[in-house]
């Protein structure tokens, strides 16, 4: 069965009765985990199994980028910030290090039954945007692009789909779209020369893209995730991207200019998103489900491509030479930047 168009979150470490009933709604296609849903590797495996017993085909995911955005920590390898990895790209073993980091991150999640991490970040930034910063590989696209390409290759080798975010680039604004709607007054030509380049050059290697809740008023009046121009004219037609488009979280303040939750979901899906995320607002998620039930929208067949392509055995993974060597190198990097 094709996953429905809504991804939501859970309250805690186990499913509530309400959530067990909610997950049976055909409008739901995925679950995103946060730190509050995690206490140990054994616990997250049990929660995954609990969900799979109810709806085997749901997409299960997490933000496990590395650095300050790594929801699962205890029992998992700590991944350095992507900026730190990008800075090592030109080292003798830099390319292998980045590829192995992508492979390790993906392999650990896959071994626990998680389908994918929303990674990598393709924003071009260093210090401009507080919410991005060291989540970006670099503020130089000539570093960020090959670093991201190598990280994606590692994810793919493990058997995980890759999601590039936040299209067409969040690195040029100071405002945090979690708290307000950022406005970026740059021209399309300027974006083509900088922020858009990773998406242009990696569009054929990405399985999914997540647009930003940013308005570029000199280009289009709508925020990117609600914009037919950005999602259809640029992403689908110009970049020839045929993968999944996930909305960013519709609970973020940057999305509020589109209206209430049903309005936001309608705008995002009609603009071209295959799946919308509603996190940390159960009433909003239910409002979106009611909208979906009353609409003529059909689930996107693209979504099935995000399912895990491999499930390694955890013990075999951590006993492998590749995992042990990579985990040690990443640990040494974290120690060196502490």
Foldseek 3Di string as FASTA:
>chain_A
DFAAFEEEEADAQAHDPVRLVVLLQRNGAAYEYALRNDDALVSLLVRLVVSCVRPVRHAYEYACLADPGHSYDHVAFGFHQLLLLLVCCPPPCSLVLLLLSLQRSLQSCLQSVHLYHADDEQAQAAPAEPVCHSSANHNANVSRQSSRVSSLNSNVVNQAAYEYDAPQHDHNHHDDQLEAAAEDQDDPVVSCVGSNVNCLVCLVSHQEYEHDLYHHPVYDGHGQLLALCNVPVPNCPVSVRDHAYEYDACNRNSNCVQPALCSSVVSNVVSPHQHYYHYPDVVSSVVNSVSVVPDPDDHDPRNSSRGGRDHDNPVVQCPDPSNVVSSVVSVVSVVVVD
